[in-house]
Amino acid sequence: MSIIELATMRAKAGRADDMGRALPVALSVIGEAEGCLAAAALRCVERPDEFVLRIQWVSVAAHEAFRETAEFAKYRAAFADHLGEVVGFAHYQVI
């Protein structure tokens, strides 16, 4: 059974639009990763500086393996300059 990674992040002050443009670039990198089934970025309507990444992996192990690759560094670099903080992060299973 696949898992869903949800990561909630806030952009630095005044950088939300930049973050909104950078996340699709980052997800194009992660979308090519072994074990990644789907990836999407969501922007909060009420708090436009807040974003959620929803990434579907074949397993937690596949996600952890990706974090050890050079591609992870490319993924993270795409939005790192705009990232203020990671608010929450977890893996979920569909029930």
Protein backbone atom coordinates (compact mmCIF):
# COMPACT_ATOMS: atom_id res chain seq x y z
CA MET A 1 0.00 0.00 0.00
CA SER A 2 1.35 3.43 -0.90
CA ILE A 3 1.76 6.27 1.58
CA ILE A 4 1.05 9.99 1.35
CA GLU A 5 3.63 12.47 2.60
CA LEU A 6 2.16 15.80 3.72
CA ALA A 7 4.50 18.68 4.44
CA THR A 8 3.14 22.05 5.52
CA MET A 9 5.48 25.01 5.00
CA ARG A 10 5.44 28.78 5.30
CA ALA A 11 7.28 31.11 2.99
CA LYS A 12 9.55 33.87 4.26
CA ALA A 13 7.83 37.23 4.63
CA GLY A 14 7.23 38.74 1.21
CA ARG A 15 8.37 35.57 -0.62
CA ALA A 16 5.10 33.64 -0.96
CA ASP A 17 4.71 34.34 -4.68
CA ASP A 18 8.31 33.26 -5.26
CA MET A 19 7.63 30.10 -3.29
CA GLY A 20 4.51 29.49 -5.36
CA ARG A 21 6.58 29.64 -8.54
CA ALA A 22 9.42 27.51 -7.14
CA LEU A 23 7.41 24.58 -5.80
CA PRO A 24 6.27 23.25 -9.21
CA VAL A 25 9.94 23.25 -10.28
CA ALA A 26 10.84 21.30 -7.14
CA LEU A 27 8.02 18.84 -7.73
CA SER A 28 9.18 18.21 -11.28
CA VAL A 29 12.41 16.88 -9.74
CA ILE A 30 10.67 14.78 -7.11
CA GLY A 31 8.17 13.47 -9.64
CA GLU A 32 11.02 11.68 -11.42
CA ALA A 33 12.27 10.00 -8.23
CA GLU A 34 12.15 6.24 -7.94
CA GLY A 35 9.14 5.31 -5.85
CA CYS A 36 7.27 8.60 -6.33
CA LEU A 37 3.78 7.98 -7.67
CA ALA A 38 2.40 11.55 -7.66
CA ALA A 39 3.20 14.99 -6.32
CA ALA A 40 1.25 18.23 -5.91
CA ALA A 41 1.70 21.58 -4.23
CA LEU A 42 -1.24 23.38 -2.62
CA ARG A 43 -1.42 27.03 -1.53
CA CYS A 44 -3.68 28.04 1.33
CA VAL A 45 -6.41 30.50 0.39
CA GLU A 46 -6.78 31.99 3.90
CA ARG A 47 -3.03 32.09 4.62
CA PRO A 48 -1.34 32.63 1.23
CA ASP A 49 2.14 32.28 2.72
CA GLU A 50 1.33 28.66 3.66
CA PHE A 51 1.81 25.70 1.33
CA VAL A 52 1.22 21.95 1.55
CA LEU A 53 3.13 19.39 -0.46
CA ARG A 54 1.25 16.15 -1.08
CA ILE A 55 3.54 13.42 -2.35
CA GLN A 56 2.53 9.82 -2.87
CA TRP A 57 5.28 7.23 -2.42
CA VAL A 58 5.27 3.47 -2.83
CA SER A 59 6.57 3.28 0.77
CA VAL A 60 8.18 5.31 3.55
CA ALA A 61 11.43 3.53 2.65
CA ALA A 62 11.23 4.91 -0.91
CA HIS A 63 10.86 8.43 0.47
CA GLU A 64 13.75 7.94 2.87
CA ALA A 65 15.92 6.59 0.04
CA PHE A 66 15.14 9.68 -2.06
CA ARG A 67 16.35 11.91 0.77
CA GLU A 68 19.82 10.37 0.36
CA THR A 69 20.14 11.24 -3.35
CA ALA A 70 21.62 14.17 -5.24
CA GLU A 71 18.15 14.78 -6.66
CA PHE A 72 16.89 15.58 -3.15
CA ALA A 73 19.40 18.42 -2.97
CA LYS A 74 18.12 19.74 -6.34
CA TYR A 75 14.53 19.45 -5.14
CA ARG A 76 15.23 21.33 -1.93
CA ALA A 77 17.38 23.98 -3.63
CA ALA A 78 14.49 24.93 -5.91
CA PHE A 79 12.60 26.57 -3.02
CA ALA A 80 15.08 26.82 -0.13
CA ASP A 81 15.68 30.58 -0.53
CA HIS A 82 11.94 31.22 -0.09
CA LEU A 83 11.25 28.80 2.77
CA GLY A 84 10.55 30.35 6.15
CA GLU A 85 9.69 27.24 8.17
CA VAL A 86 8.36 23.72 7.95
CA VAL A 87 5.22 23.73 10.08
CA GLY A 88 4.46 20.01 9.94
CA PHE A 89 5.51 16.81 8.24
CA ALA A 90 4.18 13.25 8.36
CA HIS A 91 3.37 10.13 6.35
CA TYR A 92 -0.22 8.87 6.05
CA GLN A 93 -1.99 5.78 4.79
CA VAL A 94 -5.37 5.89 3.11
CA ILE A 95 -7.99 4.11 5.24
